[in-house]
Amino acid sequence: MFRLTIRHGPRVSREKHEDLGEAIAALRSHAESIRAEGGLEEVSMFRTYEPADRVEARLEVSTGGPLRGRDAGIDVMGDGTLVPYRGGVFRKELETGGESPYEAVERALAGEAL
């Protein structure tokens, strides 16, 4: 069982998928839908945050409980770029090495990137 959590702005939704391929397909679909909405604008507070510095949405697939599961996902940045990562609390950006961000997430969840 794979759980997909989508955090987009103030909204959080969760889905359950039976296999990894299905979870990755849903991850891709949601990420591309969010990218199609456009991006985020520059924000100035104490400093200026460019769209590339802001996370528009975080999509995470997890495989199980807090101690035995694996987590990996994609941050959709404000400029539309996709940043794949692994880990839940302690995130580490995944190297893509010519593959798509979705393939990097799938590899991490399959155990090859750990």
PDB file of N, CA and C in Angstrom:
ATOM      1  N   MET A   1       0.850  -1.181   0.000  1.00  0.00           N
ATOM      2  CA  MET A   1       0.000   0.000   0.000  1.00  0.00           C
ATOM      3  C   MET A   1       0.894   1.242   0.000  1.00  0.00           C
ATOM      4  N   PHE A   2       0.579   2.180  -0.854  1.00  0.00           N
ATOM      5  CA  PHE A   2       1.317   3.432  -0.964  1.00  0.00           C
ATOM      6  C   PHE A   2       0.362   4.586  -0.696  1.00  0.00           C
ATOM      7  N   ARG A   3       0.828   5.532   0.079  1.00  0.00           N
ATOM      8  CA  ARG A   3      -0.003   6.681   0.442  1.00  0.00           C
ATOM      9  C   ARG A   3       0.599   7.937  -0.192  1.00  0.00           C
ATOM     10  N   LEU A   4      -0.219   8.662  -0.936  1.00  0.00           N
ATOM     11  CA  LEU A   4       0.191   9.912  -1.578  1.00  0.00           C
ATOM     12  C   LEU A   4      -0.442  11.065  -0.810  1.00  0.00           C
ATOM     13  N   THR A   5       0.416  11.968  -0.314  1.00  0.00           N
ATOM     14  CA  THR A   5      -0.051  13.161   0.379  1.00  0.00           C
ATOM     15  C   THR A   5       0.263  14.361  -0.497  1.00  0.00           C
ATOM     16  N   ILE A   6      -0.735  15.187  -0.756  1.00  0.00           N
ATOM     17  CA  ILE A   6      -0.579  16.371  -1.604  1.00  0.00           C
ATOM     18  C   ILE A   6      -0.820  17.600  -0.743  1.00  0.00           C
ATOM     19  N   ARG A   7       0.214  18.420  -0.580  1.00  0.00           N
ATOM     20  CA  ARG A   7       0.099  19.680   0.151  1.00  0.00           C
ATOM     21  C   ARG A   7       0.240  20.800  -0.868  1.00  0.00           C
ATOM     22  N   HIS A   8      -0.857  21.483  -1.125  1.00  0.00           N
ATOM     23  CA  HIS A   8      -0.869  22.546  -2.126  1.00  0.00           C
ATOM     24  C   HIS A   8      -1.507  23.764  -1.484  1.00  0.00           C
ATOM     25  N   GLY A   9      -0.684  24.748  -1.157  1.00  0.00           N
ATOM     26  CA  GLY A   9      -1.177  25.897  -0.419  1.00  0.00           C
ATOM     27  C   GLY A   9      -1.685  25.424   0.931  1.00  0.00           C
ATOM     28  N   PRO A  10      -2.858  25.880   1.353  1.00  0.00           N
ATOM     29  CA  PRO A  10      -3.384  25.459   2.652  1.00  0.00           C
ATOM     30  C   PRO A  10      -4.098  24.102   2.606  1.00  0.00           C
ATOM     31  N   ARG A  11      -4.266  23.535   1.408  1.00  0.00           N
ATOM     32  CA  ARG A  11      -5.016  22.286   1.256  1.00  0.00           C
ATOM     33  C   ARG A  11      -4.104  21.060   1.387  1.00  0.00           C
ATOM     34  N   VAL A  12      -4.591  20.064   2.087  1.00  0.00           N
ATOM     35  CA  VAL A  12      -3.894  18.782   2.205  1.00  0.00           C
ATOM     36  C   VAL A  12      -4.885  17.686   1.850  1.00  0.00           C
ATOM     37  N   SER A  13      -4.469  16.808   0.927  1.00  0.00           N
ATOM     38  CA  SER A  13      -5.312  15.660   0.595  1.00  0.00           C
ATOM     39  C   SER A  13      -4.446  14.410   0.567  1.00  0.00           C
ATOM     40  N   ARG A  14      -5.086  13.276   0.755  1.00  0.00           N
ATOM     41  CA  ARG A  14      -4.374  12.000   0.796  1.00  0.00           C
ATOM     42  C   ARG A  14      -5.104  10.978  -0.066  1.00  0.00           C
ATOM     43  N   GLU A  15      -4.294  10.136  -0.686  1.00  0.00           N
ATOM     44  CA  GLU A  15      -4.829   9.047  -1.501  1.00  0.00           C
ATOM     45  C   GLU A  15      -4.078   7.776  -1.157  1.00  0.00           C
ATOM     46  N   LYS A  16      -4.725   6.641  -1.339  1.00  0.00           N
ATOM     47  CA  LYS A  16      -4.073   5.346  -1.166  1.00  0.00           C
ATOM     48  C   LYS A  16      -4.041   4.645  -2.508  1.00  0.00           C
ATOM     49  N   HIS A  17      -2.900   4.021  -2.797  1.00  0.00           N
ATOM     50  CA  HIS A  17      -2.727   3.297  -4.054  1.00  0.00           C
ATOM     51  C   HIS A  17      -2.147   1.921  -3.757  1.00  0.00           C
ATOM     52  N   GLU A  18      -2.593   0.946  -4.517  1.00  0.00           N
ATOM     53  CA  GLU A  18      -2.195  -0.444  -4.284  1.00  0.00           C
ATOM     54  C   GLU A  18      -0.749  -0.743  -4.660  1.00  0.00           C
ATOM     55  N   ASP A  19      -0.256  -0.149  -5.754  1.00  0.00           N
ATOM     56  CA  ASP A  19       1.113  -0.451  -6.157  1.00  0.00           C
ATOM     57  C   ASP A  19       1.891   0.825  -6.475  1.00  0.00           C
ATOM     58  N   LEU A  20       3.201   0.671  -6.575  1.00  0.00           N
ATOM     59  CA  LEU A  20       4.088   1.815  -6.772  1.00  0.00           C
ATOM     60  C   LEU A  20       3.829   2.511  -8.101  1.00  0.00           C
ATOM     61  N   GLY A  21       3.616   1.761  -9.156  1.00  0.00           N
ATOM     62  CA  GLY A  21       3.362   2.366 -10.465  1.00  0.00           C
ATOM     63  C   GLY A  21       2.128   3.257 -10.459  1.00  0.00           C
ATOM     64  N   GLU A  22       1.095   2.791  -9.794  1.00  0.00           N
ATOM     65  CA  GLU A  22      -0.139   3.567  -9.682  1.00  0.00           C
ATOM     66  C   GLU A  22       0.094   4.851  -8.868  1.00  0.00           C
ATOM     67  N   ALA A  23       0.870   4.744  -7.780  1.00  0.00           N
ATOM     68  CA  ALA A  23       1.165   5.913  -6.939  1.00  0.00           C
ATOM     69  C   ALA A  23       1.992   6.944  -7.700  1.00  0.00           C
ATOM     70  N   ILE A  24       2.967   6.482  -8.486  1.00  0.00           N
ATOM     71  CA  ILE A  24       3.810   7.392  -9.268  1.00  0.00           C
ATOM     72  C   ILE A  24       2.989   8.057 -10.367  1.00  0.00           C
ATOM     73  N   ALA A  25       2.087   7.314 -10.994  1.00  0.00           N
ATOM     74  CA  ALA A  25       1.221   7.903 -12.027  1.00  0.00           C
ATOM     75  C   ALA A  25       0.337   8.999 -11.424  1.00  0.00           C
ATOM     76  N   ALA A  26      -0.186   8.771 -10.231  1.00  0.00           N
ATOM     77  CA  ALA A  26      -1.007   9.789  -9.560  1.00  0.00           C
ATOM     78  C   ALA A  26      -0.157  10.989  -9.158  1.00  0.00           C
ATOM     79  N   LEU A  27       1.054  10.730  -8.674  1.00  0.00           N
ATOM     80  CA  LEU A  27       1.991  11.804  -8.325  1.00  0.00           C
ATOM     81  C   LEU A  27       2.263  12.688  -9.535  1.00  0.00           C
ATOM     82  N   ARG A  28       2.548  12.061 -10.667  1.00  0.00           N
ATOM     83  CA  ARG A  28       2.815  12.793 -11.912  1.00  0.00           C
ATOM     84  C   ARG A  28       1.604  13.617 -12.333  1.00  0.00           C
ATOM     85  N   SER A  29       0.438  13.017 -12.287  1.00  0.00           N
ATOM     86  CA  SER A  29      -0.789  13.696 -12.698  1.00  0.00           C
ATOM     87  C   SER A  29      -1.049  14.938 -11.844  1.00  0.00           C
ATOM     88  N   HIS A  30      -0.940  14.796 -10.537  1.00  0.00           N
ATOM     89  CA  HIS A  30      -1.174  15.928  -9.640  1.00  0.00           C
ATOM     90  C   HIS A  30      -0.108  17.015  -9.832  1.00  0.00           C
ATOM     91  N   ALA A  31       1.154  16.606  -9.956  1.00  0.00           N
ATOM     92  CA  ALA A  31       2.234  17.584 -10.121  1.00  0.00           C
ATOM     93  C   ALA A  31       2.058  18.370 -11.423  1.00  0.00           C
ATOM     94  N   GLU A  32       1.726  17.687 -12.496  1.00  0.00           N
ATOM     95  CA  GLU A  32       1.550  18.373 -13.780  1.00  0.00           C
ATOM     96  C   GLU A  32       0.327  19.289 -13.754  1.00  0.00           C
ATOM     97  N   SER A  33      -0.709  18.885 -13.048  1.00  0.00           N
ATOM     98  CA  SER A  33      -1.896  19.724 -12.904  1.00  0.00           C
ATOM     99  C   SER A  33      -1.554  21.012 -12.143  1.00  0.00           C
ATOM    100  N   ILE A  34      -0.763  20.895 -11.101  1.00  0.00           N
ATOM    101  CA  ILE A  34      -0.348  22.066 -10.319  1.00  0.00           C
ATOM    102  C   ILE A  34       0.540  22.980 -11.159  1.00  0.00           C
ATOM    103  N   ARG A  35       1.461  22.390 -11.914  1.00  0.00           N
ATOM    104  CA  ARG A  35       2.331  23.201 -12.784  1.00  0.00           C
ATOM    105  C   ARG A  35       1.516  23.952 -13.826  1.00  0.00           C
ATOM    106  N   ALA A  36       0.443  23.343 -14.329  1.00  0.00           N
ATOM    107  CA  ALA A  36      -0.381  23.960 -15.366  1.00  0.00           C
ATOM    108  C   ALA A  36      -1.148  25.177 -14.850  1.00  0.00           C
ATOM    109  N   GLU A  37      -1.318  25.283 -13.548  1.00  0.00           N
ATOM    110  CA  GLU A  37      -2.019  26.431 -12.962  1.00  0.00           C
ATOM    111  C   GLU A  37      -1.222  27.722 -13.076  1.00  0.00           C
ATOM    112  N   GLY A  38       0.045  27.625 -13.389  1.00  0.00           N
ATOM    113  CA  GLY A  38       0.917  28.801 -13.403  1.00  0.00           C
ATOM    114  C   GLY A  38       1.862  28.692 -12.236  1.00  0.00           C
ATOM    115  N   GLY A  39       2.495  29.757 -11.895  1.00  0.00           N
ATOM    116  CA  GLY A  39       3.462  29.700 -10.809  1.00  0.00           C
ATOM    117  C   GLY A  39       3.131  30.678  -9.709  1.00  0.00           C
ATOM    118  N   LEU A  40       4.095  30.866  -8.851  1.00  0.00           N
ATOM    119  CA  LEU A  40       3.977  31.828  -7.766  1.00  0.00           C
ATOM    120  C   LEU A  40       4.721  33.097  -8.140  1.00  0.00           C
ATOM    121  N   GLU A  41       4.342  34.184  -7.531  1.00  0.00           N
ATOM    122  CA  GLU A  41       5.017  35.451  -7.785  1.00  0.00           C
ATOM    123  C   GLU A  41       6.106  35.676  -6.754  1.00  0.00           C
ATOM    124  N   GLU A  42       6.958  36.638  -7.046  1.00  0.00           N
ATOM    125  CA  GLU A  42       7.993  37.047  -6.113  1.00  0.00           C
ATOM    126  C   GLU A  42       7.332  37.663  -4.882  1.00  0.00           C
ATOM    127  N   VAL A  43       7.898  37.397  -3.710  1.00  0.00           N
ATOM    128  CA  VAL A  43       7.367  37.942  -2.462  1.00  0.00           C
ATOM    129  C   VAL A  43       8.497  38.659  -1.738  1.00  0.00           C
ATOM    130  N   SER A  44       8.210  39.845  -1.225  1.00  0.00           N
ATOM    131  CA  SER A  44       9.192  40.589  -0.437  1.00  0.00           C
ATOM    132  C   SER A  44       8.682  40.715   0.990  1.00  0.00           C
ATOM    133  N   MET A  45       9.471  40.203   1.915  1.00  0.00           N
ATOM    134  CA  MET A  45       9.193  40.363   3.337  1.00  0.00           C
ATOM    135  C   MET A  45      10.453  40.966   3.937  1.00  0.00           C
ATOM    136  N   PHE A  46      11.154  40.199   4.729  1.00  0.00           N
ATOM    137  CA  PHE A  46      12.444  40.664   5.237  1.00  0.00           C
ATOM    138  C   PHE A  46      13.494  40.603   4.140  1.00  0.00           C
ATOM    139  N   ARG A  47      13.264  39.759   3.180  1.00  0.00           N
ATOM    140  CA  ARG A  47      14.095  39.643   1.984  1.00  0.00           C
ATOM    141  C   ARG A  47      13.182  39.281   0.833  1.00  0.00           C
ATOM    142  N   THR A  48      13.727  39.250  -0.362  1.00  0.00           N
ATOM    143  CA  THR A  48      12.937  38.923  -1.544  1.00  0.00           C
ATOM    144  C   THR A  48      13.055  37.432  -1.841  1.00  0.00           C
ATOM    145  N   TYR A  49      11.904  36.795  -2.035  1.00  0.00           N
ATOM    146  CA  TYR A  49      11.858  35.378  -2.374  1.00  0.00           C
ATOM    147  C   TYR A  49      11.391  35.249  -3.816  1.00  0.00           C
ATOM    148  N   GLU A  50      12.278  34.773  -4.657  1.00  0.00           N
ATOM    149  CA  GLU A  50      11.965  34.540  -6.065  1.00  0.00           C
ATOM    150  C   GLU A  50      11.057  33.307  -6.174  1.00  0.00           C
ATOM    151  N   PRO A  51      10.301  33.191  -7.264  1.00  0.00           N
ATOM    152  CA  PRO A  51       9.453  32.008  -7.447  1.00  0.00           C
ATOM    153  C   PRO A  51      10.227  30.690  -7.323  1.00  0.00           C
ATOM    154  N   ALA A  52      11.471  30.663  -7.791  1.00  0.00           N
ATOM    155  CA  ALA A  52      12.279  29.437  -7.715  1.00  0.00           C
ATOM    156  C   ALA A  52      12.647  29.075  -6.282  1.00  0.00           C
ATOM    157  N   ASP A  53      12.542  30.034  -5.358  1.00  0.00           N
ATOM    158  CA  ASP A  53      12.865  29.799  -3.948  1.00  0.00           C
ATOM    159  C   ASP A  53      11.658  29.342  -3.141  1.00  0.00           C
ATOM    160  N   ARG A  54      10.476  29.410  -3.724  1.00  0.00           N
ATOM    161  CA  ARG A  54       9.238  29.117  -3.001  1.00  0.00           C
ATOM    162  C   ARG A  54       8.656  27.772  -3.432  1.00  0.00           C
ATOM    163  N   VAL A  55       8.217  26.990  -2.472  1.00  0.00           N
ATOM    164  CA  VAL A  55       7.576  25.710  -2.768  1.00  0.00           C
ATOM    165  C   VAL A  55       6.081  25.958  -2.939  1.00  0.00           C
ATOM    166  N   GLU A  56       5.577  25.657  -4.131  1.00  0.00           N
ATOM    167  CA  GLU A  56       4.149  25.822  -4.400  1.00  0.00           C
ATOM    168  C   GLU A  56       3.353  24.639  -3.863  1.00  0.00           C
ATOM    169  N   ALA A  57       3.912  23.438  -4.021  1.00  0.00           N
ATOM    170  CA  ALA A  57       3.231  22.235  -3.546  1.00  0.00           C
ATOM    171  C   ALA A  57       4.269  21.169  -3.214  1.00  0.00           C
ATOM    172  N   ARG A  58       3.927  20.329  -2.269  1.00  0.00           N
ATOM    173  CA  ARG A  58       4.778  19.195  -1.908  1.00  0.00           C
ATOM    174  C   ARG A  58       3.931  17.946  -2.033  1.00  0.00           C
ATOM    175  N   LEU A  59       4.418  16.999  -2.833  1.00  0.00           N
ATOM    176  CA  LEU A  59       3.721  15.735  -3.043  1.00  0.00           C
ATOM    177  C   LEU A  59       4.634  14.625  -2.547  1.00  0.00           C
ATOM    178  N   GLU A  60       4.113  13.803  -1.646  1.00  0.00           N
ATOM    179  CA  GLU A  60       4.949  12.797  -1.004  1.00  0.00           C
ATOM    180  C   GLU A  60       4.276  11.444  -1.022  1.00  0.00           C
ATOM    181  N   VAL A  61       5.042  10.424  -1.404  1.00  0.00           N
ATOM    182  CA  VAL A  61       4.566   9.046  -1.384  1.00  0.00           C
ATOM    183  C   VAL A  61       5.277   8.344  -0.239  1.00  0.00           C
ATOM    184  N   SER A  62       4.509   7.664   0.598  1.00  0.00           N
ATOM    185  CA  SER A  62       5.114   6.903   1.694  1.00  0.00           C
ATOM    186  C   SER A  62       4.686   5.450   1.591  1.00  0.00           C
ATOM    187  N   THR A  63       5.548   4.579   2.111  1.00  0.00           N
ATOM    188  CA  THR A  63       5.315   3.142   1.976  1.00  0.00           C
ATOM    189  C   THR A  63       4.844   2.485   3.256  1.00  0.00           C
ATOM    190  N   GLY A  64       4.871   3.181   4.353  1.00  0.00           N
ATOM    191  CA  GLY A  64       4.457   2.509   5.578  1.00  0.00           C
ATOM    192  C   GLY A  64       4.535   3.403   6.786  1.00  0.00           C
ATOM    193  N   GLY A  65       4.732   2.787   7.924  1.00  0.00           N
ATOM    194  CA  GLY A  65       4.749   3.487   9.201  1.00  0.00           C
ATOM    195  C   GLY A  65       5.952   4.388   9.387  1.00  0.00           C
ATOM    196  N   PRO A  66       5.971   5.107  10.500  1.00  0.00           N
ATOM    197  CA  PRO A  66       7.026   6.082  10.735  1.00  0.00           C
ATOM    198  C   PRO A  66       8.419   5.476  10.924  1.00  0.00           C
ATOM    199  N   LEU A  67       8.515   4.221  11.353  1.00  0.00           N
ATOM    200  CA  LEU A  67       9.829   3.628  11.599  1.00  0.00           C
ATOM    201  C   LEU A  67      10.311   2.726  10.475  1.00  0.00           C
ATOM    202  N   ARG A  68       9.415   2.121   9.741  1.00  0.00           N
ATOM    203  CA  ARG A  68       9.826   1.145   8.737  1.00  0.00           C
ATOM    204  C   ARG A  68       9.535   1.555   7.306  1.00  0.00           C
ATOM    205  N   GLY A  69       8.856   2.633   7.123  1.00  0.00           N
ATOM    206  CA  GLY A  69       8.468   3.036   5.781  1.00  0.00           C
ATOM    207  C   GLY A  69       9.528   3.881   5.095  1.00  0.00           C
ATOM    208  N   ARG A  70       9.325   4.055   3.815  1.00  0.00           N
ATOM    209  CA  ARG A  70      10.171   4.953   3.020  1.00  0.00           C
ATOM    210  C   ARG A  70       9.295   6.089   2.538  1.00  0.00           C
ATOM    211  N   ASP A  71       9.873   7.281   2.460  1.00  0.00           N
ATOM    212  CA  ASP A  71       9.175   8.454   1.941  1.00  0.00           C
ATOM    213  C   ASP A  71      10.010   9.058   0.828  1.00  0.00           C
ATOM    214  N   ALA A  72       9.335   9.481  -0.218  1.00  0.00           N
ATOM    215  CA  ALA A  72       9.991  10.217  -1.303  1.00  0.00           C
ATOM    216  C   ALA A  72       8.910  11.025  -1.994  1.00  0.00           C
ATOM    217  N   GLY A  73       9.318  12.089  -2.642  1.00  0.00           N
ATOM    218  CA  GLY A  73       8.325  12.905  -3.308  1.00  0.00           C
ATOM    219  C   GLY A  73       8.933  13.986  -4.161  1.00  0.00           C
ATOM    220  N   ILE A  74       8.097  14.955  -4.484  1.00  0.00           N
ATOM    221  CA  ILE A  74       8.496  16.046  -5.372  1.00  0.00           C
ATOM    222  C   ILE A  74       7.991  17.353  -4.800  1.00  0.00           C
ATOM    223  N   ASP A  75       8.881  18.341  -4.787  1.00  0.00           N
ATOM    224  CA  ASP A  75       8.471  19.713  -4.497  1.00  0.00           C
ATOM    225  C   ASP A  75       8.250  20.407  -5.836  1.00  0.00           C
ATOM    226  N   VAL A  76       7.069  20.985  -6.015  1.00  0.00           N
ATOM    227  CA  VAL A  76       6.789  21.801  -7.196  1.00  0.00           C
ATOM    228  C   VAL A  76       7.117  23.231  -6.783  1.00  0.00           C
ATOM    229  N   MET A  77       8.157  23.785  -7.374  1.00  0.00           N
ATOM    230  CA  MET A  77       8.605  25.117  -7.005  1.00  0.00           C
ATOM    231  C   MET A  77       7.741  26.168  -7.707  1.00  0.00           C
ATOM    232  N   GLY A  78       7.814  27.391  -7.219  1.00  0.00           N
ATOM    233  CA  GLY A  78       7.003  28.478  -7.732  1.00  0.00           C
ATOM    234  C   GLY A  78       7.238  28.811  -9.190  1.00  0.00           C
ATOM    235  N   ASP A  79       8.406  28.420  -9.725  1.00  0.00           N
ATOM    236  CA  ASP A  79       8.687  28.663 -11.141  1.00  0.00           C
ATOM    237  C   ASP A  79       8.375  27.446 -12.010  1.00  0.00           C
ATOM    238  N   GLY A  80       7.783  26.407 -11.403  1.00  0.00           N
ATOM    239  CA  GLY A  80       7.393  25.216 -12.154  1.00  0.00           C
ATOM    240  C   GLY A  80       8.416  24.104 -12.166  1.00  0.00           C
ATOM    241  N   THR A  81       9.611  24.327 -11.632  1.00  0.00           N
ATOM    242  CA  THR A  81      10.594  23.252 -11.607  1.00  0.00           C
ATOM    243  C   THR A  81      10.183  22.196 -10.588  1.00  0.00           C
ATOM    244  N   LEU A  82      10.640  20.984 -10.827  1.00  0.00           N
ATOM    245  CA  LEU A  82      10.345  19.854  -9.955  1.00  0.00           C
ATOM    246  C   LEU A  82      11.623  19.431  -9.248  1.00  0.00           C
ATOM    247  N   VAL A  83      11.560  19.299  -7.937  1.00  0.00           N
ATOM    248  CA  VAL A  83      12.719  18.899  -7.146  1.00  0.00           C
ATOM    249  C   VAL A  83      12.369  17.590  -6.432  1.00  0.00           C
ATOM    250  N   PRO A  84      12.950  16.470  -6.886  1.00  0.00           N
ATOM    251  CA  PRO A  84      12.676  15.196  -6.228  1.00  0.00           C
ATOM    252  C   PRO A  84      13.499  15.064  -4.942  1.00  0.00           C
ATOM    253  N   TYR A  85      12.921  14.412  -3.948  1.00  0.00           N
ATOM    254  CA  TYR A  85      13.632  14.214  -2.684  1.00  0.00           C
ATOM    255  C   TYR A  85      13.237  12.873  -2.092  1.00  0.00           C
ATOM    256  N   ARG A  86      14.031  12.441  -1.133  1.00  0.00           N
ATOM    257  CA  ARG A  86      13.677  11.258  -0.352  1.00  0.00           C
ATOM    258  C   ARG A  86      13.736  11.640   1.110  1.00  0.00           C
ATOM    259  N   GLY A  87      13.040  10.893   1.925  1.00  0.00           N
ATOM    260  CA  GLY A  87      13.011  11.159   3.353  1.00  0.00           C
ATOM    261  C   GLY A  87      11.785  11.942   3.733  1.00  0.00           C
ATOM    262  N   GLY A  88      11.357  11.768   4.957  1.00  0.00           N
ATOM    263  CA  GLY A  88      10.193  12.486   5.455  1.00  0.00           C
ATOM    264  C   GLY A  88      10.606  13.725   6.219  1.00  0.00           C
ATOM    265  N   VAL A  89      11.077  13.524   7.442  1.00  0.00           N
ATOM    266  CA  VAL A  89      11.490  14.651   8.277  1.00  0.00           C
ATOM    267  C   VAL A  89      12.791  15.243   7.761  1.00  0.00           C
ATOM    268  N   PHE A  90      13.753  14.390   7.472  1.00  0.00           N
ATOM    269  CA  PHE A  90      15.047  14.841   6.948  1.00  0.00           C
ATOM    270  C   PHE A  90      15.078  14.562   5.454  1.00  0.00           C
ATOM    271  N   ARG A  91      14.818  15.586   4.662  1.00  0.00           N
ATOM    272  CA  ARG A  91      14.757  15.426   3.212  1.00  0.00           C
ATOM    273  C   ARG A  91      16.136  15.567   2.599  1.00  0.00           C
ATOM    274  N   LYS A  92      16.365  14.748   1.590  1.00  0.00           N
ATOM    275  CA  LYS A  92      17.599  14.832   0.818  1.00  0.00           C
ATOM    276  C   LYS A  92      17.221  14.873  -0.653  1.00  0.00           C
ATOM    277  N   GLU A  93      17.713  15.890  -1.361  1.00  0.00           N
ATOM    278  CA  GLU A  93      17.405  16.005  -2.786  1.00  0.00           C
ATOM    279  C   GLU A  93      17.987  14.810  -3.528  1.00  0.00           C
ATOM    280  N   LEU A  94      17.206  14.262  -4.440  1.00  0.00           N
ATOM    281  CA  LEU A  94      17.645  13.116  -5.238  1.00  0.00           C
ATOM    282  C   LEU A  94      18.352  13.582  -6.502  1.00  0.00           C
ATOM    283  N   GLU A  95      19.408  12.900  -6.845  1.00  0.00           N
ATOM    284  CA  GLU A  95      20.080  13.119  -8.120  1.00  0.00           C
ATOM    285  C   GLU A  95      19.266  12.408  -9.192  1.00  0.00           C
ATOM    286  N   THR A  96      19.055  13.096 -10.317  1.00  0.00           N
ATOM    287  CA  THR A  96      18.261  12.473 -11.371  1.00  0.00           C
ATOM    288  C   THR A  96      19.123  11.743 -12.396  1.00  0.00           C
ATOM    289  N   GLY A  97      20.333  12.188 -12.624  1.00  0.00           N
ATOM    290  CA  GLY A  97      21.223  11.482 -13.542  1.00  0.00           C
ATOM    291  C   GLY A  97      20.614  11.203 -14.896  1.00  0.00           C
ATOM    292  N   GLY A  98      19.888  12.157 -15.465  1.00  0.00           N
ATOM    293  CA  GLY A  98      19.295  11.986 -16.779  1.00  0.00           C
ATOM    294  C   GLY A  98      17.894  11.404 -16.772  1.00  0.00           C
ATOM    295  N   GLU A  99      17.430  10.918 -15.630  1.00  0.00           N
ATOM    296  CA  GLU A  99      16.071  10.398 -15.563  1.00  0.00           C
ATOM    297  C   GLU A  99      15.118  11.515 -15.143  1.00  0.00           C
ATOM    298  N   SER A 100      13.843  11.274 -15.268  1.00  0.00           N
ATOM    299  CA  SER A 100      12.856  12.278 -14.865  1.00  0.00           C
ATOM    300  C   SER A 100      12.773  12.321 -13.336  1.00  0.00           C
ATOM    301  N   PRO A 101      12.278  13.418 -12.772  1.00  0.00           N
ATOM    302  CA  PRO A 101      12.099  13.464 -11.317  1.00  0.00           C
ATOM    303  C   PRO A 101      11.181  12.340 -10.816  1.00  0.00           C
ATOM    304  N   TYR A 102      10.201  11.972 -11.627  1.00  0.00           N
ATOM    305  CA  TYR A 102       9.278  10.905 -11.251  1.00  0.00           C
ATOM    306  C   TYR A 102       9.999   9.557 -11.180  1.00  0.00           C
ATOM    307  N   GLU A 103      10.892   9.311 -12.118  1.00  0.00           N
ATOM    308  CA  GLU A 103      11.675   8.073 -12.104  1.00  0.00           C
ATOM    309  C   GLU A 103      12.604   8.034 -10.899  1.00  0.00           C
ATOM    310  N   ALA A 104      13.159   9.197 -10.509  1.00  0.00           N
ATOM    311  CA  ALA A 104      14.032   9.255  -9.334  1.00  0.00           C
ATOM    312  C   ALA A 104      13.253   8.910  -8.066  1.00  0.00           C
ATOM    313  N   VAL A 105      12.033   9.400  -7.961  1.00  0.00           N
ATOM    314  CA  VAL A 105      11.191   9.097  -6.802  1.00  0.00           C
ATOM    315  C   VAL A 105      10.843   7.609  -6.793  1.00  0.00           C
ATOM    316  N   GLU A 106      10.492   7.080  -7.938  1.00  0.00           N
ATOM    317  CA  GLU A 106      10.160   5.656  -8.026  1.00  0.00           C
ATOM    318  C   GLU A 106      11.362   4.801  -7.628  1.00  0.00           C
ATOM    319  N   ARG A 107      12.537   5.173  -8.085  1.00  0.00           N
ATOM    320  CA  ARG A 107      13.771   4.447  -7.740  1.00  0.00           C
ATOM    321  C   ARG A 107      14.002   4.494  -6.229  1.00  0.00           C
ATOM    322  N   ALA A 108      13.808   5.652  -5.619  1.00  0.00           N
ATOM    323  CA  ALA A 108      14.015   5.798  -4.173  1.00  0.00           C
ATOM    324  C   ALA A 108      13.037   4.922  -3.392  1.00  0.00           C
ATOM    325  N   LEU A 109      11.810   4.873  -3.838  1.00  0.00           N
ATOM    326  CA  LEU A 109      10.817   4.076  -3.135  1.00  0.00           C
ATOM    327  C   LEU A 109      11.002   2.578  -3.357  1.00  0.00           C
ATOM    328  N   ALA A 110      11.585   2.231  -4.482  1.00  0.00           N
ATOM    329  CA  ALA A 110      11.857   0.817  -4.757  1.00  0.00           C
ATOM    330  C   ALA A 110      13.074   0.336  -3.973  1.00  0.00           C
ATOM    331  N   GLY A 111      13.811   1.275  -3.343  1.00  0.00           N
ATOM    332  CA  GLY A 111      14.935   0.908  -2.504  1.00  0.00           C
ATOM    333  C   GLY A 111      16.291   1.046  -3.158  1.00  0.00           C
ATOM    334  N   GLU A 112      16.356   1.392  -4.440  1.00  0.00           N
ATOM    335  CA  GLU A 112      17.634   1.459  -5.137  1.00  0.00           C
ATOM    336  C   GLU A 112      18.453   2.688  -4.766  1.00  0.00           C
ATOM    337  N   ALA A 113      17.825   3.764  -4.282  1.00  0.00           N
ATOM    338  CA  ALA A 113      18.559   4.993  -4.001  1.00  0.00           C
ATOM    339  C   ALA A 113      18.987   5.085  -2.544  1.00  0.00           C
ATOM    340  N   LEU A 114      18.610   4.109  -1.725  1.00  0.00           N
ATOM    341  CA  LEU A 114      18.906   4.182  -0.305  1.00  0.00           C
ATOM    342  C   LEU A 114      20.186   3.560   0.014  1.00  0.00           C
TER     343      LEU A 114
END
